[in-house]
Amino acid sequence: MNSDQISVLVLILAGVGAFLFLIASLSKMRLKQKSRSRNDIKAFAKSARMTFYKNSPELDELLKRFEMMQRHNAQVQISNVLLSRSGELSVSLFEFSWITSGQIGVQQKQTAVLFDDFRLSLSHFLLRPRKMGDLLDSLSGCSDVVPERCPEFNNAFRVVGEAPLETHQLLTDEFVEYFLQNQNLCVEGLGNYFLVFAPDSLIAPPDLHGFLDSHLTGYHLLRQAASRSKQTKTPS
């Protein structure tokens, strides 16, 4: 091996070493960021009087019942779970992630909140922002649940329920206005559960208070609407 070949070999080895050092540094940085983020979430949990869990097998199993979670091709991973209970209401604030389908899978992460209140008795319904494919569904005969008095809401959201009349009664003026102020929301109601998340939105720890407070308002509006609907069905 002559001197030129040795020089090339040294350069190659130096390049490989620099590349491996860069990968190790990036991995170490990601671990630090993840640790810092988790500590920030723990700090929020303490301030909000919620209990922190790294994960929750019980919540994993429960979320399998929701159609929004079933739509992901890969298994959803739950982490950074915060739990609280106040009277009849239980709140689970958590992050979930999955790998997109395709040759190059990309990890997606989102923040969601699940309200559990045994006073609710919801027939299954889904509400999400409209997308291009909805037009084809409409042409093929699929029908939406629509509050006719609010075309702005109808243009922004699609609502589908297994009991359309009951779901329609939930869409009070106040509940509709909540969605008009939060136009990127997906929600699903099922029995005594109300699931809320914004697609492709991982909420930073400093913003968790606002996220939770906003959707607590949505939950209260839903419960009020459900209570009124139940009263109208109760014979006098």
Protein backbone atom coordinates (compact mmCIF):
# COMPACT_ATOMS: atom_id res chain seq x y z
CA MET A 1 0.00 0.00 0.00
CA ASN A 2 1.57 3.29 -1.10
CA SER A 3 1.41 6.64 0.68
CA ASP A 4 -1.50 7.91 -1.42
CA GLN A 5 -3.60 4.87 -0.58
CA ILE A 6 -2.76 5.23 3.11
CA SER A 7 -3.81 8.90 3.01
CA VAL A 8 -7.15 8.01 1.39
CA LEU A 9 -7.73 5.26 3.99
CA VAL A 10 -6.97 7.69 6.83
CA LEU A 11 -9.43 10.21 5.39
CA ILE A 12 -12.13 7.53 5.07
CA LEU A 13 -11.61 6.36 8.65
CA ALA A 14 -11.65 9.95 9.86
CA GLY A 15 -14.91 10.57 8.00
CA VAL A 16 -16.53 7.44 9.42
CA GLY A 17 -15.39 8.41 12.91
CA ALA A 18 -16.82 11.91 12.53
CA PHE A 19 -20.12 10.49 11.26
CA LEU A 20 -20.42 8.08 14.18
CA PHE A 21 -19.58 10.89 16.62
CA LEU A 22 -22.32 13.03 15.06
CA ILE A 23 -24.89 10.21 15.35
CA ALA A 24 -23.94 9.61 18.99
CA SER A 25 -24.16 13.34 19.77
CA LEU A 26 -27.59 13.63 18.16
CA SER A 27 -28.84 10.56 20.05
CA LYS A 28 -27.54 12.00 23.32
CA MET A 29 -29.23 15.33 22.53
CA ARG A 30 -32.55 13.62 21.81
CA LEU A 31 -32.35 11.73 25.12
CA LYS A 32 -31.69 14.97 26.98
CA GLN A 33 -34.60 16.70 25.24
CA LYS A 34 -36.90 13.76 26.00
CA SER A 35 -35.83 13.79 29.65
CA ARG A 36 -36.29 17.56 29.87
CA SER A 37 -39.75 17.31 28.26
CA ARG A 38 -40.82 14.54 30.63
CA ASN A 39 -39.63 16.55 33.63
CA ASP A 40 -41.64 19.53 32.36
CA ILE A 41 -44.71 17.30 32.03
CA LYS A 42 -44.20 16.04 35.58
CA ALA A 43 -43.98 19.64 36.78
CA PHE A 44 -47.27 20.42 35.00
CA ALA A 45 -48.87 17.33 36.56
CA LYS A 46 -47.88 18.52 40.01
CA SER A 47 -49.26 22.02 39.41
CA ALA A 48 -52.50 20.60 37.99
CA ARG A 49 -52.82 18.03 40.79
CA MET A 50 -52.66 15.15 38.34
CA THR A 51 -50.83 11.84 38.72
CA PHE A 52 -48.06 11.09 36.21
CA TYR A 53 -47.50 7.65 34.69
CA LYS A 54 -44.88 6.83 32.06
CA ASN A 55 -47.48 4.58 30.40
CA SER A 56 -50.81 2.92 31.18
CA PRO A 57 -51.75 -0.59 29.98
CA GLU A 58 -55.34 0.04 31.11
CA LEU A 59 -55.60 3.14 28.91
CA ASP A 60 -53.94 1.25 26.04
CA GLU A 61 -56.66 -1.38 26.21
CA LEU A 62 -59.50 1.14 26.55
CA LEU A 63 -58.43 3.19 23.52
CA LYS A 64 -58.71 0.13 21.26
CA ARG A 65 -62.47 0.67 21.43
CA PHE A 66 -62.22 4.03 19.65
CA GLU A 67 -62.46 4.16 15.88
CA MET A 68 -60.06 7.09 15.65
CA MET A 69 -57.35 4.95 17.23
CA GLN A 70 -58.22 1.88 15.16
CA ARG A 71 -57.58 3.77 11.91
CA HIS A 72 -53.81 3.74 12.41
CA ASN A 73 -52.16 0.79 10.68
CA ALA A 74 -49.56 0.26 13.40
CA GLN A 75 -50.22 -0.17 17.09
CA VAL A 76 -50.64 3.11 18.93
CA GLN A 77 -48.11 3.75 21.69
CA ILE A 78 -49.30 5.64 24.78
CA SER A 79 -46.91 7.63 26.98
CA ASN A 80 -46.71 10.50 29.50
CA VAL A 81 -50.13 9.78 30.97
CA LEU A 82 -51.62 12.26 33.46
CA LEU A 83 -54.68 11.19 35.45
CA SER A 84 -57.07 13.04 37.73
CA ARG A 85 -60.48 12.39 39.25
CA SER A 86 -62.92 14.93 40.62
CA GLY A 87 -66.28 13.58 41.73
CA GLU A 88 -67.88 11.71 38.83
CA LEU A 89 -65.34 12.92 36.25
CA SER A 90 -62.05 11.20 35.42
CA VAL A 91 -59.59 12.92 33.06
CA SER A 92 -56.71 11.25 31.20
CA LEU A 93 -54.28 13.57 29.40
CA PHE A 94 -51.72 11.67 27.33
CA GLU A 95 -49.47 11.48 24.29
CA PHE A 96 -49.86 8.83 21.61
CA SER A 97 -47.66 7.95 18.68
CA TRP A 98 -47.61 5.59 15.72
CA ILE A 99 -45.54 4.90 12.61
CA THR A 100 -47.14 5.87 9.30
CA SER A 101 -47.53 3.21 6.62
CA GLY A 102 -45.36 3.14 3.50
CA GLN A 103 -41.80 2.25 2.62
CA ILE A 104 -40.41 4.96 4.88
CA GLY A 105 -42.47 5.05 8.06
CA VAL A 106 -42.57 8.36 9.91
CA GLN A 107 -43.39 8.64 13.59
CA GLN A 108 -46.40 10.84 14.36
CA LYS A 109 -47.09 12.13 17.89
CA GLN A 110 -50.16 13.87 19.26
CA THR A 111 -51.64 14.99 22.56
CA ALA A 112 -55.14 13.86 23.51
CA VAL A 113 -57.50 14.07 26.46
CA LEU A 114 -60.11 11.49 27.44
CA PHE A 115 -63.04 12.41 29.69
CA ASP A 116 -64.79 9.59 31.55
CA ASP A 117 -68.09 10.44 33.23
CA PHE A 118 -70.61 7.72 34.09
CA ARG A 119 -73.39 10.33 33.86
CA LEU A 120 -72.84 10.34 30.10
CA SER A 121 -74.56 7.76 27.94
CA LEU A 122 -73.53 8.66 24.40
CA SER A 123 -74.35 6.76 21.27
CA HIS A 124 -71.20 6.43 19.18
CA PHE A 125 -70.36 9.52 17.13
CA LEU A 126 -67.33 11.02 15.35
CA LEU A 127 -66.66 14.67 14.61
CA ARG A 128 -63.61 15.84 12.66
CA PRO A 129 -62.52 18.52 10.16
CA ARG A 130 -63.75 17.93 6.63
CA LYS A 131 -61.37 16.63 3.96
CA MET A 132 -61.45 16.10 0.19
CA GLY A 133 -62.68 12.50 0.36
CA ASP A 134 -65.86 13.55 2.15
CA LEU A 135 -67.33 14.81 -1.13
CA LEU A 136 -67.09 11.32 -2.62
CA ASP A 137 -68.76 9.86 0.48
CA SER A 138 -71.61 12.34 0.10
CA LEU A 139 -72.02 11.43 -3.56
CA SER A 140 -72.10 7.72 -2.71
CA GLY A 141 -75.02 8.21 -0.35
CA CYS A 142 -73.35 8.54 3.05
CA SER A 143 -75.17 11.12 5.16
CA ASP A 144 -73.81 13.54 7.75
CA VAL A 145 -75.38 14.75 10.95
CA VAL A 146 -75.77 18.49 10.28
CA PRO A 147 -77.18 21.40 12.27
CA GLU A 148 -78.93 23.20 9.40
CA ARG A 149 -78.80 26.55 11.20
CA CYS A 150 -74.98 26.76 10.96
CA PRO A 151 -73.54 26.39 7.44
CA GLU A 152 -70.12 27.58 8.68
CA PHE A 153 -69.92 24.55 10.97
CA ASN A 154 -71.18 22.20 8.24
CA ASN A 155 -68.51 23.44 5.83
CA ALA A 156 -65.75 22.99 8.42
CA PHE A 157 -66.68 19.70 10.11
CA ARG A 158 -68.06 16.28 9.35
CA VAL A 159 -70.20 14.53 11.96
CA VAL A 160 -71.26 10.88 11.76
CA GLY A 161 -73.28 9.08 14.45
CA GLU A 162 -74.82 5.66 14.88
CA ALA A 163 -77.94 7.42 16.21
CA PRO A 164 -78.16 10.54 13.99
CA LEU A 165 -81.12 12.15 15.79
CA GLU A 166 -79.45 11.80 19.19
CA THR A 167 -76.15 13.14 17.85
CA HIS A 168 -77.98 16.04 16.21
CA GLN A 169 -79.44 17.00 19.60
CA LEU A 170 -75.91 17.27 21.04
CA LEU A 171 -75.00 19.99 18.52
CA THR A 172 -76.34 22.91 20.52
CA ASP A 173 -75.39 26.47 19.57
CA GLU A 174 -72.84 26.55 22.40
CA PHE A 175 -71.27 23.21 21.46
CA VAL A 176 -71.08 24.24 17.79
CA GLU A 177 -69.40 27.53 18.75
CA TYR A 178 -66.78 25.58 20.74
CA PHE A 179 -65.76 23.78 17.54
CA LEU A 180 -65.80 26.94 15.46
CA GLN A 181 -63.24 28.33 17.91
CA ASN A 182 -61.17 25.11 17.72
CA GLN A 183 -61.35 24.18 14.05
CA ASN A 184 -58.62 21.53 14.03
CA LEU A 185 -60.29 19.22 16.54
CA CYS A 186 -61.25 15.57 16.24
CA VAL A 187 -63.61 14.17 18.86
CA GLU A 188 -65.29 10.84 19.46
CA GLY A 189 -68.09 10.06 21.87
CA LEU A 190 -68.72 6.52 23.08
CA GLY A 191 -70.83 5.57 26.10
CA ASN A 192 -69.46 7.50 29.07
CA TYR A 193 -66.30 8.59 27.19
CA PHE A 194 -65.45 11.76 25.26
CA LEU A 195 -62.10 11.71 23.40
CA VAL A 196 -60.54 14.94 22.07
CA PHE A 197 -57.36 15.61 20.09
CA ALA A 198 -56.00 17.91 17.40
CA PRO A 199 -54.41 15.96 14.51
CA ASP A 200 -50.62 16.28 14.19
CA SER A 201 -50.43 18.43 17.33
CA LEU A 202 -48.08 17.51 20.16
CA ILE A 203 -48.78 20.09 22.85
CA ALA A 204 -45.69 21.55 24.56
CA PRO A 205 -45.73 21.38 28.39
CA PRO A 206 -46.14 25.19 28.82
CA ASP A 207 -49.35 25.01 26.74
CA LEU A 208 -50.94 22.03 28.49
CA HIS A 209 -52.92 24.20 30.93
CA GLY A 210 -54.62 26.03 28.07
CA PHE A 211 -55.21 22.79 26.13
CA LEU A 212 -56.83 21.08 29.10
CA ASP A 213 -58.91 24.10 30.17
CA SER A 214 -60.24 24.59 26.64
CA HIS A 215 -61.40 21.00 26.28
CA LEU A 216 -62.82 20.86 29.80
CA THR A 217 -65.12 23.59 28.51
CA GLY A 218 -66.02 21.36 25.55
CA TYR A 219 -66.74 18.43 27.87
CA HIS A 220 -69.05 20.56 30.04
CA LEU A 221 -70.93 21.79 26.96
CA LEU A 222 -71.33 18.19 25.77
CA ARG A 223 -72.63 17.06 29.16
CA GLN A 224 -75.13 19.92 29.26
CA ALA A 225 -76.35 19.04 25.76
CA ALA A 226 -76.58 15.33 26.63
CA SER A 227 -78.54 16.15 29.80
CA ARG A 228 -81.04 18.29 27.85
CA SER A 229 -81.40 15.57 25.23
CA LYS A 230 -82.09 12.99 27.93
CA GLN A 231 -84.74 15.22 29.52
CA THR A 232 -86.59 15.63 26.20
CA LYS A 233 -86.78 11.85 25.87
CA THR A 234 -88.06 11.34 29.43
CA PRO A 235 -91.89 11.11 29.49
CA SER A 236 -93.57 13.73 31.70
